[in-house]
């Protein structure tokens, strides 16, 4: 309606409104003006489709309200805290590993003040940023040298480019994997400048396949630990020790992409057997790469350990500068590694804590959450039934794909509202809440709830149900 368009106040008029004047006290004027103009443009499109007359005062009210929402959204950032009730410990979509408190404290100190990132304080001259974690990694893995880049894909890329650019790299067909984000070994190899040479079949590869493929153009023997999937049945794969033996005989380096790297025996946590970084180094792998934010429980990083001559060559590679980590990553990783060196990862690292929880502890936590939810249900206009149930949790992050962690959780069956409606509302809370679905019931695993989150989760569900109940009453009127 043309009259509605004429009722839109000018930008100058809006800027004189006390409600917008308040925003001008907190934000740059040009920024507020830009958002006001965007809001008016969007309103103009809507009014062209509206046949009902809207007063100038109503339009002004809408613009001020919408401006509040937009400024709040833009200035709060889009990253949002999430309560993870899925039971997936290393949930890639939810940021993988929460950091230890010691890492966060150290991170705060190194991020707040200047630090000796690349300063040798003893010599008073420029130093290397990698020394802060290299000695820790050497002590923990027993490797000759170590290097850290921004993620494990970068670690693999750097290793291949340094050791085998323009040369053939022999890989078993059963290890040409793809992991999250369409990261494919063949594509990374192509990008690195190395030439892929596949051997064996999808389900069976023998050491003789590698041996027969070696020629004067071969630069590297490569293995990828298939931690994110399992081939079962009629299978055969070459043992790392045998591949290393062949590499020594042919004077070829052996590189292993471990993916998720354990720094201690996973049997300590009651998990199935997986190769540790130390075992791979001891087996003779010349280069081993793994992630910092998976089973290590630290920040996103690609960690490379192995023989000094190869690590030093990678440090000299021009790619290393493009892939290097910043002071915050180094600080968080250093503090995480110190927890391993001190010997208390189960106590202080959230990921290791979750994986090491006993069946009894999980049951007790589920029962406590159920009691809190039940205590609120009597005051709720929308009813729900609570049951403590056994669940299968998952490690996640591309590790232990077929392994299920026996756990406990709370099952909620809503009576007067759809499950999808409640779940959608919970995702909009602050912090947001992510749960699992089982048929028409909500399932909340307690393994992945951090300290204090059971209370917060109960409050979020209460608020959502009160909001939905109010909406239903409004619909009835």
Protein backbone atom coordinates (compact mmCIF):
# COMPACT_ATOMS: atom_id res chain seq x y z
CA UNK A 1 0.00 0.00 0.00
CA UNK A 2 1.48 3.34 -1.13
CA UNK A 3 0.31 5.18 2.00
CA UNK A 4 2.24 2.77 4.22
CA UNK A 5 5.43 3.56 2.31
CA UNK A 6 4.87 7.27 2.92
CA UNK A 7 4.55 6.53 6.64
CA UNK A 8 8.13 5.26 6.84
CA UNK A 9 10.10 7.82 8.85
CA UNK A 10 13.35 9.20 7.48
CA UNK A 11 16.71 8.02 8.75
CA UNK A 12 17.34 11.39 10.45
CA UNK A 13 13.97 11.21 12.19
CA UNK A 14 14.70 7.70 13.43
CA UNK A 15 18.15 8.69 14.69
CA UNK A 16 16.52 11.32 16.89
CA UNK A 17 14.27 8.70 18.53
CA UNK A 18 15.40 8.12 22.18
CA UNK A 19 15.45 4.35 21.66
CA UNK A 20 17.93 4.66 18.80
CA UNK A 21 19.83 7.45 20.56
CA UNK A 22 20.63 4.89 23.24
CA UNK A 23 22.29 2.65 20.64
CA UNK A 24 24.36 5.60 19.41
CA UNK A 25 25.89 5.82 22.89
CA UNK A 26 27.23 2.27 22.58
CA UNK A 27 27.96 1.82 18.87
CA UNK A 28 29.65 3.75 16.08
CA UNK A 29 27.17 6.12 14.39
CA UNK A 30 27.92 4.92 10.85
CA UNK A 31 27.36 1.31 11.94
CA UNK A 32 23.94 2.15 13.45
CA UNK A 33 22.96 4.18 10.36
CA UNK A 34 23.88 1.25 8.12
CA UNK A 35 21.69 -1.16 10.10
CA UNK A 36 18.82 1.37 10.16
CA UNK A 37 18.95 1.66 6.36
CA UNK A 38 19.00 -2.14 5.97
CA UNK A 39 16.01 -2.41 8.30
CA UNK A 40 14.06 0.21 6.35
CA UNK A 41 14.85 -1.51 3.02
CA UNK A 42 13.55 -4.84 4.34
CA UNK A 43 10.44 -3.17 5.77
CA UNK A 44 9.73 -1.41 2.47
CA UNK A 45 9.59 -4.80 0.68
CA UNK A 46 7.14 -6.15 3.24
CA UNK A 47 4.89 -3.09 3.14
CA UNK A 48 4.51 -3.37 -0.63
CA UNK A 49 2.80 -6.70 -0.04
CA UNK A 50 0.65 -5.49 2.87
CA UNK A 51 -2.84 -4.22 2.06
CA UNK A 52 -3.68 -3.08 5.60
CA UNK A 53 -2.92 0.46 6.67
CA UNK A 54 -0.13 0.78 9.23
CA UNK A 55 0.45 4.00 11.14
CA UNK A 56 3.72 5.90 11.29
CA UNK A 57 3.97 5.15 15.02
CA UNK A 58 3.55 1.39 14.41
CA UNK A 59 6.21 1.45 11.70
CA UNK A 60 8.61 3.34 13.96
CA UNK A 61 7.97 0.83 16.74
CA UNK A 62 8.71 -2.09 14.41
CA UNK A 63 11.93 -0.49 13.11
CA UNK A 64 13.19 0.17 16.65
CA UNK A 65 12.38 -3.37 17.75
CA UNK A 66 13.97 -4.92 14.67
CA UNK A 67 17.02 -2.70 15.09
CA UNK A 68 17.41 -4.00 18.66
CA UNK A 69 17.35 -7.59 17.41
CA UNK A 70 19.82 -6.98 14.59
CA UNK A 71 22.32 -5.08 16.71
CA UNK A 72 22.17 -7.73 19.40
CA UNK A 73 22.68 -10.51 16.87
CA UNK A 74 25.57 -8.77 15.11
CA UNK A 75 27.43 -7.69 18.24
CA UNK A 76 27.12 -10.95 20.18
CA UNK A 77 28.86 -13.05 17.52
CA UNK A 78 27.53 -16.22 15.94
CA UNK A 79 29.49 -18.76 17.94
CA UNK A 80 27.27 -19.97 20.75
CA UNK A 81 27.75 -22.18 23.76
CA UNK A 82 26.06 -25.57 23.36
CA UNK A 83 25.07 -28.18 25.93
CA UNK A 84 25.95 -31.53 24.36
CA UNK A 85 23.39 -34.14 25.35
CA UNK A 86 24.11 -36.42 22.39
CA UNK A 87 26.60 -38.78 24.05
CA UNK A 88 29.05 -38.19 21.18
CA UNK A 89 32.21 -37.19 23.03
CA UNK A 90 34.19 -35.75 20.11
CA UNK A 91 31.30 -34.14 18.27
CA UNK A 92 32.85 -32.43 15.23
CA UNK A 93 29.81 -30.18 14.69
CA UNK A 94 30.04 -29.02 18.31
CA UNK A 95 33.73 -28.11 18.32
CA UNK A 96 35.20 -31.49 19.30
CA UNK A 97 37.30 -31.39 22.48
CA UNK A 98 36.47 -28.91 25.27
CA UNK A 99 39.75 -27.63 26.69
CA UNK A 100 41.05 -28.30 30.18
CA UNK A 101 40.78 -25.53 32.76
CA UNK A 102 44.56 -25.37 33.01
CA UNK A 103 44.74 -24.84 29.24
CA UNK A 104 42.14 -22.07 29.39
CA UNK A 105 43.95 -20.31 32.25
CA UNK A 106 47.25 -20.50 30.39
CA UNK A 107 45.53 -19.38 27.18
CA UNK A 108 44.14 -16.34 28.98
CA UNK A 109 47.57 -15.35 30.26
CA UNK A 110 49.30 -15.77 26.91
CA UNK A 111 46.50 -14.03 25.03
CA UNK A 112 46.19 -11.10 27.45
CA UNK A 113 49.86 -10.15 27.65
CA UNK A 114 52.90 -10.16 25.39
CA UNK A 115 54.83 -13.42 25.44
CA UNK A 116 58.02 -15.03 24.16
CA UNK A 117 56.39 -16.74 21.17
CA UNK A 118 59.46 -16.25 18.97
CA UNK A 119 61.94 -14.81 21.44
CA UNK A 120 64.82 -16.75 22.97
CA UNK A 121 64.94 -15.07 26.37
CA UNK A 122 68.29 -16.66 27.26
CA UNK A 123 70.09 -15.36 24.16
CA UNK A 124 68.00 -12.20 23.74
CA UNK A 125 67.38 -12.93 20.07
CA UNK A 126 64.71 -14.32 17.79
CA UNK A 127 63.74 -17.91 18.46
CA UNK A 128 61.31 -20.52 17.10
CA UNK A 129 57.64 -20.76 18.01
CA UNK A 130 57.81 -24.54 17.81
CA UNK A 131 60.21 -25.01 20.74
CA UNK A 132 57.36 -24.47 23.22
CA UNK A 133 55.78 -27.80 22.30
CA UNK A 134 58.54 -29.73 20.56
CA UNK A 135 60.35 -30.89 23.70
CA UNK A 136 57.06 -31.95 25.30
CA UNK A 137 56.09 -33.95 22.22
CA UNK A 138 59.51 -35.60 22.06
CA UNK A 139 59.30 -36.62 25.70
CA UNK A 140 55.77 -37.95 25.37
CA UNK A 141 56.15 -39.80 22.06
CA UNK A 142 59.89 -40.71 22.20
CA UNK A 143 60.29 -39.31 18.67
CA UNK A 144 63.46 -37.50 17.59
CA UNK A 145 61.64 -34.30 16.60
CA UNK A 146 58.20 -32.72 16.33
CA UNK A 147 56.35 -29.97 14.49
CA UNK A 148 52.85 -28.50 14.82
CA UNK A 149 50.68 -27.04 12.04
CA UNK A 150 47.07 -25.88 11.97
CA UNK A 151 45.32 -29.27 11.52
CA UNK A 152 46.01 -32.86 10.59
CA UNK A 153 45.09 -32.36 6.93
CA UNK A 154 47.80 -29.70 6.81
CA UNK A 155 50.21 -32.09 8.51
CA UNK A 156 49.60 -34.73 5.84
CA UNK A 157 49.89 -32.16 3.05
CA UNK A 158 53.16 -30.81 4.42
CA UNK A 159 54.63 -34.26 4.92
CA UNK A 160 53.77 -35.44 1.41
CA UNK A 161 55.01 -32.22 -0.21
CA UNK A 162 58.30 -32.31 1.69
CA UNK A 163 59.11 -35.98 1.29
CA UNK A 164 57.62 -36.89 -2.08
CA UNK A 165 56.92 -33.90 -4.34
CA UNK A 166 57.17 -35.14 -7.91
CA UNK A 167 57.67 -38.73 -6.75
CA UNK A 168 55.41 -41.75 -6.42
CA UNK A 169 53.79 -42.51 -3.07
CA UNK A 170 52.64 -46.10 -2.60
CA UNK A 171 49.35 -46.52 -0.70
CA UNK A 172 47.02 -49.45 -0.11
CA UNK A 173 43.66 -49.08 -1.86
CA UNK A 174 41.96 -49.94 1.41
CA UNK A 175 43.45 -46.81 2.97
CA UNK A 176 42.42 -44.23 0.38
CA UNK A 177 40.01 -42.75 2.88
CA UNK A 178 37.72 -39.74 3.01
CA UNK A 179 36.98 -38.12 6.33
CA UNK A 180 34.85 -35.13 7.36
CA UNK A 181 34.68 -32.07 5.13
CA UNK A 182 35.47 -34.09 1.96
CA UNK A 183 39.12 -34.48 3.01
CA UNK A 184 40.34 -37.25 0.70
CA UNK A 185 43.81 -38.76 0.79
CA UNK A 186 44.08 -38.90 -3.06
CA UNK A 187 43.10 -35.23 -3.42
CA UNK A 188 45.52 -34.06 -0.74
CA UNK A 189 48.24 -36.14 -2.35
CA UNK A 190 47.56 -34.52 -5.72
CA UNK A 191 47.66 -31.06 -4.16
CA UNK A 192 50.98 -31.88 -2.48
CA UNK A 193 52.62 -32.61 -5.83
CA UNK A 194 53.13 -36.29 -5.00
CA UNK A 195 52.03 -39.02 -7.42
CA UNK A 196 49.62 -41.59 -6.04
CA UNK A 197 50.36 -45.24 -6.72
CA UNK A 198 47.65 -47.60 -5.47
CA UNK A 199 48.40 -51.19 -4.55
CA UNK A 200 46.33 -54.16 -3.43
CA UNK A 201 42.55 -54.22 -3.36
CA UNK A 202 39.92 -52.56 -1.21
CA UNK A 203 39.81 -55.44 1.25
CA UNK A 204 43.24 -57.09 0.86
CA UNK A 205 46.74 -55.70 0.53
CA UNK A 206 50.00 -57.61 1.16
CA UNK A 207 53.58 -56.50 1.69
CA UNK A 208 54.41 -58.06 -1.67
CA UNK A 209 52.08 -55.53 -3.32
CA UNK A 210 54.21 -52.70 -1.97
CA UNK A 211 57.45 -54.44 -2.86
CA UNK A 212 56.42 -55.07 -6.47
CA UNK A 213 55.32 -51.44 -6.92
CA UNK A 214 58.64 -49.89 -5.84
CA UNK A 215 60.75 -48.44 -8.64
CA UNK A 216 63.25 -45.64 -9.22
CA UNK A 217 60.42 -43.04 -9.06
CA UNK A 218 59.18 -44.13 -5.62
CA UNK A 219 59.62 -41.49 -2.92
CA UNK A 220 57.53 -42.65 0.02
CA UNK A 221 55.57 -45.54 1.53
CA UNK A 222 52.36 -44.13 3.02
CA UNK A 223 49.84 -45.64 5.42
CA UNK A 224 46.61 -44.16 6.76
CA UNK A 225 45.07 -45.60 9.90
CA UNK A 226 41.41 -46.19 9.04
CA UNK A 227 40.08 -44.89 12.35
CA UNK A 228 36.82 -43.58 10.90
CA UNK A 229 35.58 -46.83 9.33
CA UNK A 230 36.10 -50.59 9.54
CA UNK A 231 36.26 -53.25 6.84
CA UNK A 232 35.36 -56.60 8.35
CA UNK A 233 35.35 -60.13 7.01
CA UNK A 234 37.69 -61.29 4.25
CA UNK A 235 40.44 -58.70 4.81
CA UNK A 236 44.19 -58.30 5.04
CA UNK A 237 46.31 -55.20 5.64
CA UNK A 238 50.04 -54.72 6.01
CA UNK A 239 51.36 -54.31 9.54
CA UNK A 240 53.26 -51.07 10.16
CA UNK A 241 56.36 -52.94 11.34
CA UNK A 242 56.48 -54.89 8.06
CA UNK A 243 56.08 -51.70 6.04
CA UNK A 244 58.91 -50.09 8.00
CA UNK A 245 61.14 -53.13 7.39
CA UNK A 246 60.52 -52.84 3.65
CA UNK A 247 61.21 -49.11 3.77
CA UNK A 248 64.57 -49.73 5.46
CA UNK A 249 65.50 -52.35 2.87
CA UNK A 250 64.63 -50.02 -0.01
CA UNK A 251 65.90 -46.84 1.66
CA UNK A 252 62.45 -45.25 1.56
CA UNK A 253 60.76 -43.25 4.35
CA UNK A 254 57.48 -44.50 5.82
CA UNK A 255 54.79 -41.98 6.74
CA UNK A 256 51.71 -42.84 8.83
CA UNK A 257 48.58 -40.69 9.08
CA UNK A 258 47.25 -41.82 12.45
CA UNK A 259 44.30 -39.41 12.45
CA UNK A 260 43.31 -39.57 16.12
CA UNK A 261 46.37 -39.96 18.27
CA UNK A 262 46.30 -41.55 21.73
CA UNK A 263 49.22 -40.74 24.00
CA UNK A 264 48.45 -43.62 26.38
CA UNK A 265 46.94 -47.08 26.13
CA UNK A 266 43.17 -46.76 25.46
CA UNK A 267 42.64 -49.97 27.41
CA UNK A 268 43.11 -47.77 30.49
CA UNK A 269 39.77 -46.20 29.59
CA UNK A 270 38.07 -49.49 28.85
CA UNK A 271 38.16 -48.79 25.11
CA UNK A 272 39.14 -51.22 22.41
CA UNK A 273 42.76 -51.52 21.27
CA UNK A 274 44.07 -48.70 19.07
CA UNK A 275 47.69 -47.92 18.21
CA UNK A 276 49.21 -45.17 20.35
CA UNK A 277 51.56 -42.56 18.93
CA UNK A 278 54.41 -44.06 20.97
CA UNK A 279 53.80 -47.52 19.53
CA UNK A 280 53.89 -46.16 15.98
CA UNK A 281 57.14 -44.31 16.67
CA UNK A 282 58.62 -47.42 18.30
CA UNK A 283 57.56 -49.51 15.29
CA UNK A 284 59.85 -47.32 13.23
CA UNK A 285 57.53 -44.99 11.31
CA UNK A 286 59.67 -42.12 10.04
CA UNK A 287 56.80 -39.62 10.21
CA UNK A 288 53.53 -39.87 12.18
CA UNK A 289 50.74 -37.28 11.93
CA UNK A 290 47.70 -36.91 14.19
CA UNK A 291 45.16 -34.36 15.43
CA UNK A 292 45.41 -32.23 18.54
CA UNK A 293 41.66 -31.81 19.11
CA UNK A 294 40.55 -35.43 18.93
CA UNK A 295 41.69 -38.13 21.35
CA UNK A 296 44.50 -35.89 22.55
CA UNK A 297 41.87 -33.53 24.02
CA UNK A 298 43.54 -30.25 23.04
CA UNK A 299 43.06 -27.48 20.46
CA UNK A 300 42.77 -27.98 16.72
CA UNK A 301 46.26 -28.72 15.47
CA UNK A 302 48.12 -31.10 13.21
CA UNK A 303 50.97 -32.75 15.09
CA UNK A 304 53.92 -34.27 13.25
CA UNK A 305 56.50 -36.42 15.05
CA UNK A 306 59.31 -38.56 13.69
CA UNK A 307 62.89 -38.62 12.53
CA UNK A 308 64.74 -35.33 12.91
CA UNK A 309 66.00 -35.11 9.33
CA UNK A 310 62.46 -35.24 7.95
CA UNK A 311 60.96 -32.88 10.53
CA UNK A 312 63.75 -30.36 9.93
CA UNK A 313 63.08 -30.55 6.19
CA UNK A 314 59.41 -29.77 6.85
CA UNK A 315 60.36 -26.77 8.98
CA UNK A 316 62.33 -25.39 6.02
CA UNK A 317 59.43 -25.95 3.60
CA UNK A 318 57.77 -22.67 2.55
CA UNK A 319 54.37 -24.29 3.14
CA UNK A 320 55.08 -24.38 6.87
CA UNK A 321 54.66 -20.62 7.20
CA UNK A 322 51.26 -20.79 5.51
CA UNK A 323 50.21 -23.65 7.77
CA UNK A 324 51.73 -22.46 11.04
CA UNK A 325 49.83 -22.17 14.32
CA UNK A 326 49.42 -18.98 16.34
CA UNK A 327 50.26 -18.21 19.96
CA UNK A 328 46.82 -19.23 21.24
CA UNK A 329 46.98 -22.70 19.70
CA UNK A 330 50.52 -23.20 20.98
CA UNK A 331 49.52 -22.10 24.48
CA UNK A 332 46.49 -24.40 24.61
CA UNK A 333 48.45 -27.34 23.20
CA UNK A 334 51.40 -26.78 25.55
CA UNK A 335 49.13 -26.77 28.60
CA UNK A 336 47.33 -29.92 27.36
CA UNK A 337 50.60 -31.78 26.81
CA UNK A 338 51.77 -30.81 30.30
CA UNK A 339 48.72 -32.64 31.69
CA UNK A 340 49.97 -35.81 30.00
CA UNK A 341 53.50 -35.24 31.21
CA UNK A 342 52.21 -34.75 34.76
CA UNK A 343 50.31 -38.01 34.45
CA UNK A 344 46.74 -36.92 35.20
CA UNK A 345 44.84 -36.71 31.88
CA UNK A 346 41.87 -38.69 33.26
CA UNK A 347 41.50 -36.13 36.04
CA UNK A 348 42.03 -32.85 34.19
CA UNK A 349 41.19 -33.28 30.49
CA UNK A 350 37.41 -33.19 29.81
CA UNK A 351 37.54 -35.63 26.88
CA UNK A 352 39.53 -38.21 28.82
CA UNK A 353 37.26 -37.71 31.83
CA UNK A 354 34.19 -38.49 29.73
CA UNK A 355 35.75 -41.56 28.17
CA UNK A 356 36.88 -42.92 31.55
CA UNK A 357 33.55 -42.56 33.42
CA UNK A 358 32.43 -45.73 35.14
CA UNK A 359 29.04 -47.36 34.58
CA UNK A 360 28.08 -46.59 38.18
CA UNK A 361 29.02 -42.92 37.88
CA UNK A 362 27.01 -42.53 34.67
CA UNK A 363 23.98 -44.20 36.24
CA UNK A 364 24.14 -41.91 39.26
CA UNK A 365 24.38 -38.84 37.04
CA UNK A 366 21.39 -39.97 34.97
CA UNK A 367 19.33 -40.57 38.11
CA UNK A 368 20.21 -37.11 39.45
CA UNK A 369 19.19 -35.47 36.16
CA UNK A 370 15.94 -37.44 36.14
CA UNK A 371 15.13 -36.28 39.68
CA UNK A 372 15.74 -32.65 38.76
CA UNK A 373 13.49 -32.93 35.71
CA UNK A 374 10.76 -34.70 37.67
CA UNK A 375 10.82 -32.03 40.37
CA UNK A 376 10.00 -29.44 37.71
CA UNK A 377 7.36 -31.50 35.90
CA UNK A 378 4.71 -31.00 38.60
CA UNK A 379 4.80 -27.22 37.98
CA UNK A 380 4.58 -27.55 34.22
CA UNK A 381 1.38 -26.95 32.24
CA UNK A 382 2.78 -29.27 29.54
CA UNK A 383 3.46 -32.71 30.96
CA UNK A 384 6.28 -35.15 30.23
CA UNK A 385 7.40 -38.57 31.43
CA UNK A 386 10.97 -39.20 32.60
CA UNK A 387 12.78 -42.54 32.48
CA UNK A 388 16.42 -43.42 33.19
CA UNK A 389 17.67 -45.66 30.38
CA UNK A 390 20.86 -47.35 29.24
CA UNK A 391 22.33 -45.82 26.08
CA UNK A 392 25.13 -46.40 23.61
CA UNK A 393 27.45 -43.41 23.50
CA UNK A 394 30.11 -42.82 20.85
CA UNK A 395 33.69 -41.57 20.85
CA UNK A 396 33.16 -39.52 17.66
CA UNK A 397 35.65 -37.37 15.77
CA UNK A 398 36.42 -40.18 13.33
CA UNK A 399 37.59 -42.54 16.08
CA UNK A 400 36.19 -45.98 17.01
CA UNK A 401 33.45 -45.87 14.34
CA UNK A 402 31.87 -49.21 15.29
CA UNK A 403 32.55 -49.04 19.03
CA UNK A 404 29.71 -48.25 21.42
CA UNK A 405 30.35 -46.86 24.90
CA UNK A 406 27.83 -48.31 27.37
CA UNK A 407 26.27 -45.38 29.18
CA UNK A 408 23.18 -43.94 30.80
CA UNK A 409 20.80 -41.19 29.92
CA UNK A 410 17.35 -39.73 30.48
CA UNK A 411 14.48 -40.43 28.13
CA UNK A 412 11.72 -37.80 27.92
CA UNK A 413 8.33 -38.43 26.37
CA UNK A 414 6.39 -35.18 25.91
CA UNK A 415 2.60 -35.45 26.24
CA UNK A 416 1.14 -32.21 24.93
CA UNK A 417 3.69 -30.98 22.44
CA UNK A 418 5.64 -32.43 19.53
CA UNK A 419 9.22 -33.55 20.12
CA UNK A 420 10.44 -31.62 17.06
CA UNK A 421 8.95 -28.40 18.46
CA UNK A 422 10.72 -28.79 21.81
CA UNK A 423 14.02 -29.74 20.15
CA UNK A 424 13.86 -26.71 17.84
CA UNK A 425 13.21 -24.37 20.77
CA UNK A 426 16.05 -25.87 22.79
CA UNK A 427 18.44 -25.18 19.92
CA UNK A 428 17.49 -21.47 20.15
CA UNK A 429 18.28 -21.17 23.87
CA UNK A 430 21.45 -19.64 25.25
CA UNK A 431 23.23 -21.92 25.77
CA UNK A 432 21.67 -24.02 23.03
CA UNK A 433 20.78 -27.63 23.85
CA UNK A 434 21.42 -30.51 21.45
CA UNK A 435 19.94 -33.92 22.25
CA UNK A 436 19.27 -37.26 20.57
CA UNK A 437 15.99 -38.62 19.23
CA UNK A 438 14.69 -42.12 19.69
CA UNK A 439 11.37 -42.65 17.92
CA UNK A 440 9.05 -40.07 19.54
CA UNK A 441 11.22 -39.57 22.63
CA UNK A 442 14.04 -37.22 23.51
CA UNK A 443 17.21 -38.89 24.75
CA UNK A 444 19.79 -37.00 26.82
CA UNK A 445 23.09 -38.76 27.45
CA UNK A 446 24.80 -37.63 30.66
CA UNK A 447 28.33 -38.61 29.61
CA UNK A 448 28.81 -35.43 27.59
CA UNK A 449 27.25 -33.02 30.11
CA UNK A 450 29.94 -30.84 31.66
CA UNK A 451 29.97 -29.64 35.26
CA UNK A 452 26.82 -27.70 36.16
CA UNK A 453 25.09 -28.39 32.85
CA UNK A 454 22.50 -30.81 34.27
CA UNK A 455 21.03 -27.94 36.31
CA UNK A 456 21.20 -25.56 33.35
CA UNK A 457 19.62 -28.16 31.05
CA UNK A 458 16.71 -28.64 33.46
CA UNK A 459 16.14 -24.88 33.52
CA UNK A 460 16.24 -24.65 29.72
CA UNK A 461 13.63 -27.39 29.30
CA UNK A 462 11.44 -25.70 31.91
CA UNK A 463 11.61 -22.34 30.14
CA UNK A 464 10.92 -23.86 26.72
CA UNK A 465 7.84 -25.73 27.93
CA UNK A 466 6.48 -22.63 29.67
CA UNK A 467 6.97 -20.66 26.46
CA UNK A 468 5.24 -23.32 24.36
CA UNK A 469 2.36 -23.56 26.86
CA UNK A 470 1.88 -19.80 26.62
CA UNK A 471 1.83 -20.05 22.85
CA UNK A 472 -0.85 -22.73 22.97
CA UNK A 473 -3.06 -20.58 25.20
CA UNK A 474 -2.62 -17.69 22.79
CA UNK A 475 -3.70 -19.92 19.91
CA UNK A 476 -6.82 -20.97 21.80
CA UNK A 477 -7.85 -17.33 22.27
